[in-house]
Protein backbone atom coordinates (compact mmCIF):
# COMPACT_ATOMS: atom_id res chain seq x y z
CA MET A 1 7.89 25.51 8.12
CA THR A 2 5.42 23.58 5.99
CA ALA A 3 2.18 25.06 4.83
CA THR A 4 -0.94 24.81 6.96
CA LEU A 5 -3.13 21.93 5.90
CA ARG A 6 -6.28 23.30 4.35
CA SER A 7 -8.95 21.54 2.40
CA PRO A 8 -10.65 23.42 -0.43
CA ALA A 9 -14.31 24.25 -0.19
CA PRO A 10 -16.41 21.56 -1.86
CA ALA A 11 -17.02 22.45 -5.50
CA ASP A 12 -20.18 21.90 -7.45
CA THR A 13 -19.59 18.49 -8.94
CA GLY A 14 -21.78 19.42 -11.87
CA ASP A 15 -19.54 22.32 -12.81
CA LEU A 16 -16.20 20.93 -13.96
CA ARG A 17 -14.59 24.34 -14.37
CA ALA A 18 -15.65 25.44 -10.86
CA ASP A 19 -14.23 22.19 -9.49
CA ARG A 20 -10.92 22.77 -11.27
CA ARG A 21 -10.78 26.34 -9.98
CA GLY A 22 -11.40 25.07 -6.46
CA LEU A 23 -8.57 22.57 -6.76
CA PHE A 24 -6.11 25.12 -8.06
CA LEU A 25 -7.16 27.73 -5.48
CA TRP A 26 -6.53 25.18 -2.74
CA LEU A 27 -3.08 24.49 -4.16
CA TRP A 28 -2.39 28.23 -4.39
CA ARG A 29 -3.59 29.09 -0.88
CA SER A 30 -1.88 26.18 0.81
CA TYR A 31 1.45 25.89 -0.98
CA LEU A 32 2.19 28.50 -3.63
CA ARG A 33 1.07 31.77 -2.06
CA LYS A 34 4.04 31.82 0.32
CA HIS A 35 6.31 32.04 -2.77
CA TRP A 36 4.25 34.71 -4.55
CA ARG A 37 7.02 37.35 -4.65
CA TRP A 38 9.48 35.05 -6.39
CA LEU A 39 6.67 33.78 -8.62
CA MET A 40 6.01 37.35 -9.72
CA VAL A 41 9.71 37.87 -10.46
CA ALA A 42 9.76 34.63 -12.46
CA MET A 43 6.67 35.66 -14.41
CA VAL A 44 8.17 39.06 -15.23
CA LEU A 45 11.26 37.31 -16.57
CA MET A 46 9.02 34.93 -18.54
CA ALA A 47 7.08 37.89 -19.96
CA ILE A 48 10.32 39.52 -21.10
CA GLU A 49 11.47 36.22 -22.61
CA GLY A 50 8.14 35.72 -24.39
CA GLY A 51 7.81 39.32 -25.52
CA SER A 52 11.25 39.26 -27.10
CA LEU A 53 9.89 36.91 -29.75
CA GLY A 54 7.52 39.66 -30.90
CA LEU A 55 10.41 42.10 -31.11
CA PHE A 56 12.42 39.57 -33.10
CA ALA A 57 9.54 39.05 -35.56
CA SER A 58 9.14 42.81 -36.00
CA MET A 59 12.83 43.04 -37.03
CA MET A 60 12.08 40.94 -40.12
CA LYS A 61 10.53 43.93 -41.90
CA PRO A 62 13.63 46.22 -41.74
CA MET A 63 15.90 43.22 -42.36
CA PHE A 64 14.22 42.42 -45.68
CA ASP A 65 13.05 45.89 -46.78
CA GLU A 66 16.04 47.98 -45.64
CA VAL A 67 18.92 45.49 -45.84
CA PHE A 68 18.16 42.80 -48.41
CA VAL A 69 15.96 44.83 -50.81
CA ALA A 70 17.26 48.42 -50.37
CA GLY A 71 20.85 47.29 -49.67
CA ARG A 72 21.53 49.83 -46.85
CA THR A 73 24.76 48.81 -45.06
CA GLU A 74 24.15 50.97 -41.96
CA ALA A 75 20.80 49.24 -41.47
CA LEU A 76 22.62 45.90 -41.49
CA TRP A 77 24.59 46.87 -38.36
CA ILE A 78 21.55 48.26 -36.57
CA VAL A 79 19.44 45.20 -37.30
CA GLY A 80 22.27 42.84 -36.39
CA VAL A 81 22.98 44.52 -33.01
CA VAL A 82 19.29 44.60 -32.10
CA VAL A 83 18.81 40.93 -32.98
CA MET A 84 21.91 39.97 -30.95
CA GLY A 85 20.59 42.00 -28.02
CA ILE A 86 17.24 40.23 -28.23
CA PHE A 87 18.89 36.82 -27.92
CA ILE A 88 21.10 37.95 -25.02
CA VAL A 89 18.01 39.19 -23.15
CA ARG A 90 16.24 35.90 -23.88
CA ALA A 91 19.20 33.91 -22.57
CA VAL A 92 19.42 35.85 -19.29
CA THR A 93 15.68 35.90 -18.60
CA SER A 94 15.31 32.23 -19.52
CA LEU A 95 18.06 31.21 -17.10
CA GLY A 96 16.66 33.37 -14.31
CA GLN A 97 13.08 32.17 -14.56
CA ARG A 98 14.10 28.51 -14.85
CA VAL A 99 16.21 28.69 -11.68
CA LEU A 100 13.41 30.47 -9.79
CA MET A 101 10.71 28.09 -10.98
CA THR A 102 12.78 25.03 -10.12
CA THR A 103 13.39 26.40 -6.61
CA ILE A 104 9.71 27.20 -6.04
CA ARG A 105 8.57 23.92 -7.57
CA GLU A 106 10.84 21.75 -5.45
CA ARG A 107 10.16 23.62 -2.20
CA SER A 108 6.41 23.55 -2.66
CA ALA A 109 6.56 19.83 -3.52
CA ALA A 110 8.61 19.21 -0.38
CA ASP A 111 6.00 21.05 1.70
CA LEU A 112 3.14 19.15 0.07
CA ARG A 113 4.80 15.74 0.56
CA GLY A 114 5.68 16.55 4.17
CA ASP A 115 2.16 17.73 5.00
CA LEU A 116 0.59 14.79 3.23
CA LEU A 117 2.70 12.27 5.14
CA ALA A 118 2.06 14.04 8.45
CA HIS A 119 -1.68 14.01 7.77
CA LEU A 120 -1.67 10.35 6.73
CA MET A 121 0.12 9.28 9.92
CA ARG A 122 -2.60 10.95 12.00
CA LEU A 123 -5.49 9.13 10.35
CA ASP A 124 -7.08 6.20 12.17
CA GLY A 125 -5.96 2.61 11.83
CA GLY A 126 -9.24 1.70 10.12
CA TRP A 127 -8.55 4.22 7.37
CA HIS A 128 -5.13 2.69 6.79
CA GLN A 129 -6.63 -0.80 6.64
CA ALA A 130 -8.82 0.40 3.77
CA HIS A 131 -5.91 2.06 1.94
CA PRO A 132 -2.84 -0.17 1.44
CA PRO A 133 0.71 1.23 1.73
CA GLY A 134 1.35 1.11 -2.01
CA TYR A 135 -1.70 3.29 -2.66
CA LEU A 136 -0.46 5.86 -0.15
CA ILE A 137 3.10 5.78 -1.50
CA GLU A 138 1.75 6.59 -4.95
CA ARG A 139 -0.25 9.49 -3.52
CA VAL A 140 2.78 10.96 -1.75
CA GLN A 141 5.23 10.34 -4.60
CA GLY A 142 3.47 9.98 -7.95
CA ASP A 143 0.55 12.37 -7.48
CA VAL A 144 2.67 15.13 -5.97
CA THR A 145 5.11 14.81 -8.88
CA ALA A 146 2.28 15.07 -11.43
CA ILE A 147 0.78 18.11 -9.69
CA ASN A 148 4.19 19.73 -9.32
CA GLN A 149 5.01 19.46 -13.00
CA ILE A 150 1.65 20.74 -14.20
CA TRP A 151 1.26 23.85 -12.03
CA ALA A 152 4.76 24.90 -13.08
CA GLY A 153 3.69 24.35 -16.68
CA LEU A 154 0.60 26.47 -16.12
CA VAL A 155 2.66 29.34 -14.70
CA THR A 156 5.19 29.05 -17.51
CA GLY A 157 2.37 28.99 -20.06
CA ALA A 158 0.77 32.10 -18.56
CA GLY A 159 4.04 33.97 -18.07
CA ARG A 160 6.02 33.06 -21.18
CA ASP A 161 3.94 31.31 -23.82
CA LEU A 162 0.85 33.48 -23.48
CA THR A 163 3.02 36.62 -23.58
CA SER A 164 4.77 35.27 -26.66
CA VAL A 165 1.49 34.62 -28.43
CA ILE A 166 0.11 38.07 -27.55
CA ALA A 167 3.31 39.83 -28.68
CA LEU A 168 3.50 37.84 -31.91
CA PHE A 169 -0.16 38.40 -32.75
CA ALA A 170 0.36 42.11 -32.04
CA VAL A 171 3.12 42.11 -34.69
CA ALA A 172 0.88 40.18 -37.08
CA ILE A 173 -2.03 42.60 -36.56
CA SER A 174 0.27 45.61 -37.03
CA VAL A 175 1.23 44.23 -40.44
CA ASP A 176 -2.35 43.48 -41.54
CA TRP A 177 -5.35 42.69 -39.32
CA ARG A 178 -7.13 40.98 -42.20
CA TRP A 179 -4.23 38.57 -42.72
CA THR A 180 -4.45 37.76 -39.01
CA LEU A 181 -8.17 36.97 -39.22
CA VAL A 182 -7.53 34.69 -42.18
CA ALA A 183 -4.74 32.93 -40.25
CA LEU A 184 -7.14 32.27 -37.33
CA ILE A 185 -9.99 31.02 -39.45
CA GLY A 186 -9.72 27.49 -38.04
CA ILE A 187 -10.06 28.42 -34.33
CA PRO A 188 -13.86 27.90 -34.07
CA LEU A 189 -13.34 24.37 -35.33
CA LEU A 190 -11.20 23.60 -32.26
CA VAL A 191 -13.69 24.37 -29.48
CA LEU A 192 -15.89 21.26 -29.36
CA PRO A 193 -13.13 18.69 -30.11
CA SER A 194 -10.93 20.34 -27.47
CA LEU A 195 -13.62 20.05 -24.77
CA ILE A 196 -14.21 16.40 -25.65
CA ALA A 197 -10.47 15.69 -25.55
CA GLN A 198 -10.10 17.37 -22.12
CA LYS A 199 -12.83 15.24 -20.53
CA TYR A 200 -11.36 12.11 -22.09
CA VAL A 201 -7.86 12.90 -20.80
CA ARG A 202 -9.10 13.53 -17.28
CA ARG A 203 -10.98 10.23 -17.22
CA ARG A 204 -8.02 8.26 -18.57
CA SER A 205 -5.55 10.04 -16.28
CA ARG A 206 -7.64 9.14 -13.25
CA ALA A 207 -7.63 5.50 -14.33
CA SER A 208 -3.87 5.59 -14.93
CA ARG A 209 -3.15 6.97 -11.45
CA GLU A 210 -5.34 4.31 -9.85
CA ILE A 211 -3.47 1.57 -11.72
CA ALA A 212 -0.18 3.14 -10.61
CA ALA A 213 -1.40 2.93 -7.00
CA ARG A 214 -2.23 -0.78 -7.43
CA MET A 215 1.22 -1.35 -8.93
CA SER A 216 2.87 0.28 -5.91
CA THR A 217 0.72 -1.84 -3.60
CA ARG A 218 1.74 -5.01 -5.44
CA LEU A 219 5.43 -4.11 -5.23
CA ASP A 220 5.11 -3.30 -1.53
CA GLU A 221 3.56 -6.71 -0.86
CA VAL A 222 6.13 -8.55 -2.98
CA PHE A 223 9.16 -6.97 -1.35
CA HIS A 224 7.77 -7.32 2.18
CA ASN A 225 6.96 -10.99 1.59
CA ILE A 226 9.95 -12.07 -0.46
CA ALA A 227 10.72 -15.05 1.81
CA PRO A 228 7.21 -16.63 1.56
CA ILE A 229 7.29 -16.02 -2.20
CA LYS A 230 10.53 -17.96 -2.51
CA LEU A 231 9.44 -20.73 -0.15
CA ASN A 232 6.18 -21.28 -2.03
CA GLY A 233 7.61 -20.87 -5.53
CA LEU A 234 5.41 -17.87 -6.31
CA GLU A 235 7.88 -15.92 -8.46
CA ASP A 236 6.08 -16.64 -11.74
CA TYR A 237 2.65 -16.10 -10.18
CA GLN A 238 3.58 -12.70 -8.74
CA SER A 239 5.35 -11.69 -11.95
CA ALA A 240 2.21 -12.52 -13.92
CA ARG A 241 0.02 -10.45 -11.57
CA TYR A 242 2.36 -7.48 -11.80
CA GLY A 243 2.66 -7.96 -15.57
CA LYS A 244 -1.13 -7.66 -15.91
CA LEU A 245 -1.02 -4.32 -14.08
CA ILE A 246 1.85 -3.17 -16.28
CA ARG A 247 -0.19 -3.86 -19.41
CA GLN A 248 -3.17 -2.01 -17.98
CA ARG A 249 -0.94 0.95 -17.10
CA VAL A 250 0.60 1.01 -20.58
CA SER A 251 -2.84 0.97 -22.18
CA ALA A 252 -4.12 3.76 -19.89
CA GLU A 253 -1.02 5.91 -20.47
CA ILE A 254 -1.24 5.49 -24.24
CA ARG A 255 -4.88 6.57 -24.21
CA SER A 256 -4.18 9.51 -21.91
CA SER A 257 -1.20 10.63 -24.00
CA SER A 258 -3.23 10.26 -27.18
CA GLY A 259 -5.87 12.56 -25.75
CA GLN A 260 -3.25 15.09 -24.65
CA ALA A 261 -1.56 14.99 -28.06
CA ALA A 262 -4.88 15.51 -29.84
CA ILE A 263 -5.18 19.12 -28.69
CA PRO A 264 -1.84 20.43 -30.07
CA SER A 265 -2.43 18.30 -33.16
CA MET A 266 -5.69 20.15 -33.76
CA ILE A 267 -3.77 23.41 -33.35
CA ASP A 268 -1.37 22.17 -36.06
CA ILE A 269 -4.31 21.65 -38.43
CA MET A 270 -5.72 25.07 -37.57
CA THR A 271 -2.34 26.68 -38.19
CA GLY A 272 -1.96 24.91 -41.52
CA LEU A 273 -5.37 26.15 -42.67
CA GLY A 274 -4.44 29.66 -41.58
CA PHE A 275 -1.12 29.66 -43.42
CA LEU A 276 -2.78 28.37 -46.56
CA GLY A 277 -5.33 31.16 -46.43
CA VAL A 278 -2.69 33.85 -45.80
CA LEU A 279 -0.49 32.53 -48.61
CA PHE A 280 -3.28 32.88 -51.17
CA TYR A 281 -4.71 36.12 -49.79
CA GLY A 282 -1.44 37.87 -48.87
CA GLY A 283 0.55 36.51 -51.81
CA ALA A 284 -1.80 38.17 -54.23
CA GLU A 285 -1.30 41.54 -52.49
CA ILE A 286 2.50 41.20 -52.64
CA ILE A 287 2.39 40.33 -56.33
CA ALA A 288 0.19 43.35 -56.88
CA GLY A 289 2.68 45.54 -54.97
CA ASP A 290 0.24 46.46 -52.18
CA LYS A 291 2.48 44.84 -49.55
CA SER A 292 6.26 44.57 -49.28
CA VAL A 293 8.32 41.41 -48.89
CA GLY A 294 9.47 42.68 -45.50
CA GLN A 295 5.89 43.01 -44.29
CA PHE A 296 5.08 39.49 -45.40
CA MET A 297 8.23 38.10 -43.74
CA ALA A 298 7.44 39.92 -40.48
CA PHE A 299 3.93 38.47 -40.55
CA PHE A 300 5.14 35.02 -41.59
CA THR A 301 7.83 34.99 -38.86
CA ALA A 302 5.36 36.14 -36.19
CA MET A 303 2.86 33.43 -37.10
CA SER A 304 5.59 30.79 -37.38
CA LEU A 305 7.02 31.67 -33.98
CA ALA A 306 3.52 31.71 -32.47
CA PHE A 307 3.06 28.12 -33.62
CA GLU A 308 5.17 26.47 -30.88
CA PRO A 309 3.86 28.46 -27.85
CA LEU A 310 0.34 27.84 -29.13
CA ARG A 311 1.04 24.11 -29.19
CA ARG A 312 2.46 24.26 -25.63
CA LEU A 313 -0.59 26.17 -24.42
CA GLY A 314 -2.84 23.61 -26.07
CA ASN A 315 -0.88 20.79 -24.45
CA ILE A 316 -1.26 22.40 -21.00
CA SER A 317 -5.01 21.93 -21.27
CA GLY A 318 -4.53 18.17 -21.56
CA GLN A 319 -1.84 18.07 -18.89
CA TRP A 320 -4.07 19.94 -16.46
CA GLN A 321 -6.57 17.10 -16.64
CA THR A 322 -3.84 14.75 -15.38
CA ALA A 323 -3.01 17.09 -12.51
CA ALA A 324 -6.70 17.59 -11.69
CA ALA A 325 -7.14 13.83 -11.29
CA SER A 326 -4.22 13.76 -8.83
CA LEU A 327 -5.47 16.86 -7.00
CA GLU A 328 -8.90 15.28 -6.56
CA ARG A 329 -7.41 12.27 -4.80
CA MET A 330 -5.10 14.43 -2.69
CA ARG A 331 -7.97 16.68 -1.65
CA ALA A 332 -9.95 13.59 -0.63
CA ILE A 333 -7.07 12.51 1.62
CA PHE A 334 -6.74 15.95 3.22
CA ASP A 335 -10.52 15.99 3.73
CA ALA A 336 -10.32 12.74 5.71
CA ARG A 337 -10.24 13.42 9.44
CA PRO A 338 -9.23 11.11 12.30
CA SER A 339 -12.05 10.13 14.66
CA LEU A 340 -9.61 9.44 17.49
CA VAL A 341 -8.64 12.91 18.65
CA SER A 342 -7.62 14.60 21.89
CA PRO A 343 -10.43 16.14 23.96
CA ALA A 344 -10.91 19.90 23.90
CA LYS A 345 -10.09 20.10 27.63
CA PRO A 346 -7.82 17.14 28.45
CA SER A 347 -7.33 15.87 31.98
CA PRO A 348 -3.81 15.76 33.44
CA ALA A 349 -1.98 12.48 33.01
CA PRO A 350 -1.56 10.32 36.16
CA ASN A 351 1.80 10.21 37.92
CA GLY A 352 3.72 7.03 38.70
CA ALA A 353 2.73 3.48 37.84
CA PRO A 354 -1.07 3.66 37.42
CA GLU A 355 -3.87 1.19 37.99
CA ILE A 356 -5.58 0.12 34.76
CA ARG A 357 -9.26 -0.71 34.73
CA LEU A 358 -11.70 -1.92 32.08
CA GLU A 359 -15.40 -1.66 32.94
CA ASP A 360 -17.98 -3.43 30.77
CA VAL A 361 -16.10 -2.65 27.54
CA GLN A 362 -17.80 -3.64 24.30
CA LEU A 363 -16.25 -3.36 20.85
CA SER A 364 -17.24 -4.63 17.42
CA TYR A 365 -15.55 -4.34 14.04
CA GLY A 366 -18.53 -3.93 11.77
CA ASP A 367 -20.84 -6.84 12.57
CA LEU A 368 -18.08 -8.83 14.28
CA PRO A 369 -18.12 -8.52 18.10
CA VAL A 370 -14.62 -8.59 19.59
CA LEU A 371 -15.16 -7.59 23.23
CA ARG A 372 -18.46 -8.40 24.95
CA GLY A 373 -18.55 -6.47 28.22
CA ALA A 374 -14.95 -7.15 29.29
CA SER A 375 -14.05 -5.97 32.81
CA PHE A 376 -10.86 -6.39 34.84
CA THR A 377 -8.34 -4.45 36.92
CA ALA A 378 -4.55 -4.42 36.51
CA LEU A 379 -3.01 -3.32 39.82
CA ALA A 380 -0.56 -0.42 39.87
CA GLY A 381 3.08 -1.45 39.65
CA ARG A 382 2.18 -5.14 39.21
CA THR A 383 2.27 -7.60 36.32
CA THR A 384 -1.06 -8.74 34.89
CA ALA A 385 -1.19 -11.44 32.22
CA LEU A 386 -3.93 -11.86 29.61
CA VAL A 387 -4.44 -15.44 28.48
CA GLY A 388 -6.96 -17.21 26.29
CA ALA A 389 -7.39 -18.76 22.88
CA SER A 390 -6.71 -16.84 19.69
CA GLY A 391 -9.54 -14.39 19.01
CA ALA A 392 -10.38 -13.96 22.68
CA GLY A 393 -9.71 -10.19 22.46
CA LYS A 394 -6.33 -9.91 24.18
CA SER A 395 -4.59 -7.78 21.54
CA THR A 396 -7.70 -5.63 21.23
CA VAL A 397 -7.27 -4.66 24.89
CA PHE A 398 -3.80 -3.29 24.04
CA ASN A 399 -5.22 -1.31 21.11
CA LEU A 400 -7.87 0.17 23.40
CA LEU A 401 -5.35 1.18 26.05
CA ALA A 402 -3.30 3.13 23.49
CA ARG A 403 -6.50 4.49 21.85
CA LEU A 404 -5.72 3.00 18.49
CA VAL A 405 -9.43 2.25 18.62
CA ASP A 406 -12.30 3.32 20.91
CA PRO A 407 -14.99 1.01 22.32
CA GLN A 408 -18.66 1.38 21.47
CA SER A 409 -19.51 1.34 25.18
CA GLY A 410 -17.85 0.93 28.56
CA GLU A 411 -14.91 2.79 30.02
CA ILE A 412 -11.15 2.34 30.22
CA THR A 413 -9.22 4.23 32.88
CA ILE A 414 -5.51 4.64 33.58
CA GLY A 415 -4.76 5.92 37.05
CA GLY A 416 -8.46 6.71 37.46
CA VAL A 417 -8.50 8.93 34.34
CA PRO A 418 -10.59 7.79 31.34
CA THR A 419 -8.40 7.29 28.29
CA ARG A 420 -10.79 9.47 26.25
CA ALA A 421 -10.11 12.35 28.68
CA LEU A 422 -6.35 12.29 28.14
CA LYS A 423 -4.48 14.12 25.40
CA LEU A 424 -3.50 11.47 22.82
CA GLU A 425 0.20 12.34 22.94
CA GLU A 426 0.24 12.15 26.74
CA LEU A 427 -1.72 8.89 26.82
CA ARG A 428 0.66 7.19 24.40
CA GLY A 429 3.59 8.76 26.25
CA LEU A 430 2.58 6.64 29.27
CA ILE A 431 2.97 3.38 27.35
CA SER A 432 5.81 1.29 25.96
CA VAL A 433 5.07 -1.74 23.80
CA VAL A 434 7.20 -4.78 22.97
CA THR A 435 5.62 -7.21 20.50
CA GLN A 436 6.62 -10.55 19.03
CA ASP A 437 7.34 -8.89 15.67
CA ALA A 438 9.67 -6.20 17.04
CA LEU A 439 9.76 -4.48 13.66
CA LEU A 440 12.67 -2.08 13.34
CA PHE A 441 13.37 0.74 10.92
CA ASP A 442 15.94 0.46 8.14
CA GLU A 443 18.40 2.54 10.13
CA THR A 444 21.27 1.85 12.52
CA ILE A 445 20.70 0.08 15.82
CA ARG A 446 21.50 3.34 17.60
CA ASP A 447 18.80 5.17 15.61
CA ASN A 448 16.29 2.40 16.33
CA ILE A 449 16.85 2.78 20.04
CA LEU A 450 17.05 6.57 20.27
CA LEU A 451 14.17 7.22 17.82
CA GLY A 452 15.27 10.79 17.22
CA ARG A 453 16.09 11.69 20.83
CA THR A 454 19.15 13.88 21.28
CA ASP A 455 19.05 14.23 25.08
CA VAL A 456 20.43 10.77 25.90
CA SER A 457 23.94 10.63 27.36
CA GLU A 458 26.37 7.87 26.42
CA ALA A 459 26.31 6.66 30.04
CA ARG A 460 22.50 6.33 29.99
CA LEU A 461 22.60 4.63 26.61
CA LYS A 462 25.17 2.10 27.85
CA GLU A 463 23.04 1.40 30.90
CA VAL A 464 20.05 0.64 28.67
CA LEU A 465 22.12 -1.52 26.31
CA ASP A 466 23.45 -3.57 29.21
CA ALA A 467 20.03 -4.00 30.84
CA ALA A 468 18.46 -5.16 27.57
CA HIS A 469 21.43 -7.46 26.80
CA VAL A 470 22.07 -5.61 23.54
CA SER A 471 25.70 -5.18 24.61
CA ASP A 472 26.10 -8.98 24.45
CA PHE A 473 25.90 -9.13 20.64
CA LEU A 474 27.22 -5.69 19.58
CA PRO A 475 30.90 -6.80 19.46
CA ARG A 476 29.97 -9.38 16.81
CA LEU A 477 28.60 -6.70 14.46
CA SER A 478 30.81 -4.88 11.95
CA ASN A 479 30.07 -1.38 13.25
CA GLY A 480 28.71 -2.18 16.66
CA LEU A 481 25.89 0.12 17.69
CA ASP A 482 26.10 1.92 14.33
CA SER A 483 25.52 -1.24 12.31
CA PRO A 484 22.44 -1.13 10.05
CA ALA A 485 19.41 -3.07 11.28
CA GLY A 486 18.28 -3.72 7.69
CA PRO A 487 14.74 -3.45 6.29
CA ARG A 488 12.36 -4.24 9.17
CA GLY A 489 15.36 -5.34 11.20
CA SER A 490 16.20 -8.21 8.82
CA ALA A 491 19.95 -7.89 9.44
CA LEU A 492 19.41 -9.08 13.05
CA SER A 493 18.15 -12.33 14.48
CA GLY A 494 14.76 -12.55 16.20
CA GLY A 495 16.32 -12.46 19.66
CA GLN A 496 18.52 -9.50 18.74
CA ARG A 497 15.52 -7.58 17.40
CA GLN A 498 13.61 -8.25 20.61
CA ARG A 499 16.49 -6.96 22.72
CA VAL A 500 16.71 -3.78 20.63
CA ALA A 501 12.96 -3.27 21.13
CA ILE A 502 13.38 -3.78 24.89
CA ALA A 503 16.24 -1.25 24.96
CA ARG A 504 13.96 1.20 23.17
CA ALA A 505 11.25 0.62 25.81
CA LEU A 506 13.75 0.99 28.66
CA LEU A 507 14.89 4.32 27.27
CA ARG A 508 11.29 5.55 27.02
CA ASP A 509 10.96 4.76 30.75
CA THR A 510 7.15 4.86 30.76
CA PRO A 511 4.98 3.80 33.72
CA VAL A 512 2.93 1.32 31.65
CA LEU A 513 4.43 -1.62 29.75
CA LEU A 514 2.55 -3.78 27.23
CA LEU A 515 4.19 -7.08 26.23
CA ASP A 516 2.54 -8.92 23.34
CA GLU A 517 3.97 -12.44 22.93
CA ALA A 518 7.42 -10.90 23.29
CA THR A 519 9.24 -14.27 23.51
CA SER A 520 6.94 -16.58 21.52
CA ALA A 521 9.11 -16.74 18.39
CA LEU A 522 12.46 -17.26 20.10
CA ASP A 523 14.58 -20.32 20.70
CA THR A 524 15.18 -21.49 24.28
CA LYS A 525 18.54 -19.71 24.69
CA SER A 526 17.33 -16.41 23.23
CA GLU A 527 14.12 -16.64 25.25
CA ALA A 528 16.03 -16.93 28.49
CA VAL A 529 18.12 -13.82 27.72
CA VAL A 530 15.10 -11.80 26.55
CA GLN A 531 13.07 -12.92 29.58
CA GLN A 532 15.77 -11.55 31.89
CA ALA A 533 15.64 -8.24 30.04
CA LEU A 534 11.84 -8.16 30.25
CA GLU A 535 11.91 -8.78 33.99
CA ARG A 536 14.30 -5.88 34.38
CA LEU A 537 12.06 -3.76 32.17
CA SER A 538 8.91 -4.60 34.19
CA GLU A 539 10.33 -3.46 37.54
CA GLY A 540 8.24 -0.64 39.04
CA ARG A 541 5.85 -0.53 36.09
CA THR A 542 2.24 -1.54 35.54
CA THR A 543 2.77 -4.38 33.09
CA LEU A 544 0.25 -6.23 30.96
CA VAL A 545 1.46 -9.39 29.25
CA ILE A 546 -0.18 -11.35 26.45
CA ALA A 547 1.05 -14.91 26.29
CA HIS A 548 -0.12 -18.16 24.76
CA ARG A 549 2.47 -20.22 26.61
CA LEU A 550 1.19 -20.27 30.20
CA SER A 551 4.61 -21.25 31.51
CA THR A 552 5.85 -17.73 30.83
CA VAL A 553 3.18 -16.02 33.00
CA GLN A 554 2.89 -18.33 35.99
CA GLY A 555 4.75 -15.79 38.11
CA ALA A 556 2.42 -12.89 37.20
CA ASP A 557 0.75 -11.08 40.09
CA SER A 558 -2.63 -11.60 38.40
CA ILE A 559 -3.83 -13.58 35.39
CA VAL A 560 -6.91 -12.49 33.41
CA VAL A 561 -8.58 -15.33 31.51
CA MET A 562 -10.46 -14.26 28.37
CA ASP A 563 -12.80 -16.20 26.13
CA HIS A 564 -14.74 -14.85 23.12
CA GLY A 565 -14.38 -11.24 24.21
CA ARG A 566 -15.31 -11.79 27.86
CA VAL A 567 -13.27 -11.98 31.05
CA VAL A 568 -14.25 -15.34 32.52
CA ASP A 569 -11.81 -15.48 35.44
CA GLN A 570 -9.00 -13.61 37.21
CA GLY A 571 -6.53 -14.59 39.90
CA THR A 572 -3.05 -15.96 40.52
CA HIS A 573 -1.75 -19.09 38.86
CA GLY A 574 -2.47 -21.18 41.94
CA GLU A 575 -5.95 -19.74 42.47
CA LEU A 576 -6.96 -20.36 38.89
CA LEU A 577 -5.74 -23.95 38.91
CA ALA A 578 -7.57 -24.59 42.16
CA ARG A 579 -10.87 -23.30 40.72
CA GLY A 580 -10.59 -25.69 37.80
CA GLY A 581 -12.03 -23.43 35.12
CA LEU A 582 -10.90 -22.55 31.60
CA TYR A 583 -7.38 -21.66 32.76
CA ALA A 584 -6.94 -25.09 34.31
CA ASP A 585 -8.13 -26.69 31.07
CA LEU A 586 -5.68 -24.62 28.99
CA HIS A 587 -2.87 -25.42 31.42
CA ALA A 588 -3.57 -29.14 31.31
CA LEU A 589 -3.81 -29.10 27.51
CA GLN A 590 -0.51 -27.26 27.03
CA PHE A 591 1.46 -29.40 29.45
CA ARG A 592 -0.03 -32.62 28.05
CA ASP A 593 0.98 -31.49 24.55
CA ALA A 594 4.46 -30.64 25.83
CA GLU A 595 4.86 -34.11 27.35
CA THR A 596 3.56 -35.97 24.28
CA GLY A 597 5.62 -33.74 21.96
């Protein structure tokens, strides 16, 4: 099971540290807390691994004083066995914590990606119009990867590197606390530059992630429009646009990496100053005989070994700024909520083929009115066609029926039940849609028809394939029903894609059928086959058909004529022609064009 989606409490934007704590607490509560037992085991192993460095440094004193200076052979064996044991313990604990951390990291990332995708798919269509697919792909892939790497680095830093530094400084202090103070003389010089570097890294990391999102968007558009690019000779143009983004990304990454590298570099300078001070101060004591060579080597080894974990801890500070930038964007996505939701107390869905009614429906997109008080009735179990010029509002009616959008005023009912009163899943479960695009998934034809259903018998599947005329072309495919459809169904012809979409709708067996220009892009032969399948599909269902070619809807039980968002007439083909209104004008225009063409 994936973690419950939870948004962190809004942090004080003026307090950067509080904001970062809020982000990390959200990550912990939502995705890491479920693994806390294994995290504790991993941190214990890290602590043992880190602490062993302190033990190793402490062995330098007996190694030099007892073995090399005093020449005691028995001490050689003792020191050698202890040192070997230290490295065996480090090897085992290092392996154990790495396996555990990889497991936790990958599982938590899988949960986060799954929850993020599930949340994104539930957001409204308007939200998706404002956020292109490439942007969202980068959020799900790139941002999760950045976050995943950094929190694991934080845990490793706290469990292993911090323990190493504490253990090594403990050894250094046990040798001489004054030497230790001298070695750390440069630390105060790090505070202000480090804070400046952190803010810089966060700002540059945010810019880098935004550029990465634009790059993903550009690639998505290029690969989905490869045919128009070739036909219009846009290869160089698109390459130049993508190349500009690449250069921006390179510049942003270099600046971000420079800021991250500045922090451990400052630690290097601090360490160098400390070593210089200890060499002059401690060297004089050794020459005077106040300290032994073994003590100096234990101190020197401890400080030398502390150098690398200190650098890693310093680097984590810069890396966290990168993760924080990704977490901010992810939190913003999880904070977004769909406006189209199921009612608290939904009404039961109607049974059988329902009547569909629009009453004085008005809808605008921003300042653009799309429907202006549209009203009509689609009789139960009958076929109703929507005709009119482009922009009349026909497709908007379909979006309203499926509650992909809600009107500003008016009411839409299915079987006498307002669409707002129905549970979203049940409302959309009443409807099957076949459009002129008939976009398919990059899966097999079988998968595109079943859409994850496992309760369909082979006999029922064959019945659907025959009714939709999919069986007619399957023998010509290499693997029949298990042949790949290709990206967006590109391995099939337009007519074949339409028949697969019709088979999908037949299998859904819903009481309402919406057909949006389902045959407009087909040749005459394919149109005839698809039309037969559509007629079979429409039997016993309340069907609404959008069509520009009036010849395809002359047999409809009722035709709704729309113009600029209004219903201006409704009746049968013969009634509308007899009244001589807009429908008659459209009919005359189309058939005159057909004759002159």
